[in-house]
Amino acid sequence: MAHDKHHSDRMTKCLEPRKRFFNHENAALDKEDLSFLVELMQAEYDQRERAMNDYRDYYELDPDNGLVEALELPLYLEECRYAEILLQKLKRLLDAELARRQE
C-alpha cells in the first residue's frame, strides 16, 4: 500500500505547478516564455512516457494491481489533458510568431 500512496502523491505533485501555469491562459508570452514552454513540453512528453511505463510495469508485477491502476487513472488522464493544453498553447504561439514574421 505504501507504493500506491507514494505513486499517487508523486502524480499529484507533478500536476500542481502545471495547474498554476495553465490557469493563466491569456498571459502575454515573450521569447523566454516560449523557451520555457518548449522545455516544459519536452518534460511533459518525458513525464507521460514515464507514467505509461510505471503503469505497465506496476500492472505486470501483479494483475491485482489493476484496481489501483483504475483508481489512479483519472490523475493520469488529467496529466495527459494538461500536456495536450500545453501543446495547443505552444502551437498557437508558434503560429502567431510565424504570422508576425511574414508581415
Protein backbone atom coordinates (compact mmCIF):
# COMPACT_ATOMS: atom_id res chain seq x y z
CA MET A 1 0.00 0.00 0.00
CA ALA A 2 2.96 2.31 0.59
CA HIS A 3 3.74 2.14 -3.12
CA ASP A 4 0.18 3.18 -4.01
CA LYS A 5 0.34 6.24 -1.74
CA HIS A 6 3.81 7.22 -2.98
CA HIS A 7 2.73 6.86 -6.62
CA SER A 8 -0.39 8.95 -6.09
CA ASP A 9 1.49 11.66 -4.16
CA ARG A 10 4.11 11.85 -6.90
CA MET A 11 1.47 12.22 -9.62
CA THR A 12 -0.31 14.94 -7.66
CA LYS A 13 2.94 16.82 -7.02
CA CYS A 14 3.73 16.73 -10.74
CA LEU A 15 0.39 18.35 -11.55
CA GLU A 16 0.42 21.29 -9.12
CA PRO A 17 2.87 23.67 -10.84
CA ARG A 18 1.30 22.91 -14.18
CA LYS A 19 -2.16 23.79 -12.89
CA ARG A 20 -0.88 27.20 -11.81
CA PHE A 21 0.75 27.75 -15.20
CA PHE A 22 -2.26 26.71 -17.28
CA ASN A 23 -4.65 28.89 -15.30
CA HIS A 24 -3.08 31.94 -16.97
CA GLU A 25 -4.47 31.29 -20.44
CA ASN A 26 -4.27 34.92 -21.61
CA ALA A 27 -0.89 35.83 -20.17
CA ALA A 28 1.42 37.62 -22.58
CA LEU A 29 4.39 35.46 -23.50
CA ASP A 30 7.85 36.59 -24.60
CA LYS A 31 10.78 34.63 -26.08
CA GLU A 32 11.88 33.49 -22.63
CA ASP A 33 8.37 32.13 -22.01
CA LEU A 34 8.47 30.40 -25.38
CA SER A 35 11.76 28.68 -24.48
CA PHE A 36 10.20 27.68 -21.17
CA LEU A 37 7.21 26.23 -22.99
CA VAL A 38 9.42 24.17 -25.28
CA GLU A 39 11.30 22.79 -22.26
CA LEU A 40 8.03 22.15 -20.44
CA MET A 41 6.61 20.38 -23.49
CA GLN A 42 9.62 18.06 -23.55
CA ALA A 43 9.24 17.47 -19.82
CA GLU A 44 5.54 16.71 -20.33
CA TYR A 45 6.38 14.19 -23.03
CA ASP A 46 9.01 12.53 -20.85
CA GLN A 47 6.62 12.50 -17.89
CA ARG A 48 3.88 10.85 -19.96
CA GLU A 49 6.33 8.20 -21.15
CA ARG A 50 7.44 7.52 -17.57
CA ALA A 51 3.86 7.38 -16.33
CA MET A 52 2.88 4.90 -19.04
CA ASN A 53 5.89 2.73 -18.23
CA ASP A 54 5.11 2.96 -14.49
CA TYR A 55 1.58 1.73 -15.09
CA ARG A 56 2.71 -1.02 -17.40
CA ASP A 57 5.45 -2.25 -15.06
CA TYR A 58 3.28 -1.99 -11.95
CA TYR A 59 0.40 -3.84 -13.55
CA GLU A 60 2.65 -6.63 -14.85
CA LEU A 61 4.11 -7.21 -11.38
CA ASP A 62 0.71 -8.23 -10.05
CA PRO A 63 -2.51 -8.37 -12.10
CA ASP A 64 -4.47 -7.50 -8.95
CA ASN A 65 -2.94 -4.04 -9.22
CA GLY A 66 -5.47 -3.38 -11.98
CA LEU A 67 -7.76 -1.97 -9.31
CA VAL A 68 -5.11 0.51 -8.16
CA GLU A 69 -4.48 1.43 -11.78
CA ALA A 70 -8.20 2.10 -12.32
CA LEU A 71 -8.34 4.29 -9.22
CA GLU A 72 -5.32 6.35 -10.33
CA LEU A 73 -6.34 6.59 -13.97
CA PRO A 74 -8.19 9.92 -13.51
CA LEU A 75 -4.93 11.52 -12.29
CA TYR A 76 -3.07 10.15 -15.29
CA LEU A 77 -5.76 11.36 -17.68
CA GLU A 78 -5.67 14.80 -16.08
CA GLU A 79 -1.91 14.88 -16.59
CA CYS A 80 -2.37 13.99 -20.26
CA ARG A 81 -5.02 16.72 -20.58
CA TYR A 82 -2.56 19.32 -19.29
CA ALA A 83 0.07 18.09 -21.73
CA GLU A 84 -2.49 18.47 -24.53
CA ILE A 85 -3.35 22.03 -23.40
CA LEU A 86 0.35 22.82 -23.42
CA LEU A 87 0.75 21.52 -26.96
CA GLN A 88 -2.23 23.61 -28.13
CA LYS A 89 -0.85 26.73 -26.44
CA LEU A 90 2.57 26.18 -27.99
CA LYS A 91 1.07 25.69 -31.44
CA ARG A 92 -0.89 28.95 -31.15
CA LEU A 93 2.27 30.78 -30.05
CA LEU A 94 4.30 29.36 -32.92
CA ASP A 95 1.53 30.15 -35.44
CA ALA A 96 1.36 33.73 -34.15
CA GLU A 97 5.14 34.08 -34.35
CA LEU A 98 5.19 32.75 -37.93
CA ALA A 99 2.40 35.13 -38.94
CA ARG A 100 4.27 38.06 -37.33
CA ARG A 101 7.45 37.20 -39.26
CA GLN A 102 5.57 37.01 -42.56
CA GLU A 103 4.12 40.52 -42.20
